[in-house]
Amino acid sequence: LTGVKLWWPHTMGEPYLYKANISFLIHNTATTPITIPAETSKNVVLSDHVTFSFGIRTIQTYIHPRTNGRAFEINHIPIFLQGGNWIATDAMLQYSTSYERYYDEVCLHREAGLNFIRIWG
């Protein structure tokens, strides 16, 4: 890929995200190929639709020649992983579906200067 904005960990740059919209259309006649004019055809039915965000990046791991330890690169730039473990948010699952709670907890990791979270379970 050329000319794209790469996703970076927040400690190395902007975590740029693209938006994708995908629609699956079904033509109501199995033997006729699908051709969709500028205006929506009455012969085409929307089967499903999804919108999501995604980032473009490379991650590589290797054994560092000087330390003989595992090392990592993001987009071909070495990175020192500064992370922590995240064990279950709520043992009784009372808050397990709370978007706000998960968002706040991830923000705490960021504010602590971490760039890596290992999630247990």
Foldseek 3Di string as FASTA:
>chain_A
DPDDDAADQPVPDHRDKDKDKDWDKDFQDPVDDDDQPPDGDPRIDTPDMDMDIDGDKDKDWDQDPPPSHIWMDINNHTDDFDEDEDEDPDPVCPCVPPPVSVVVVVVVRVVVVGRDYHYDD
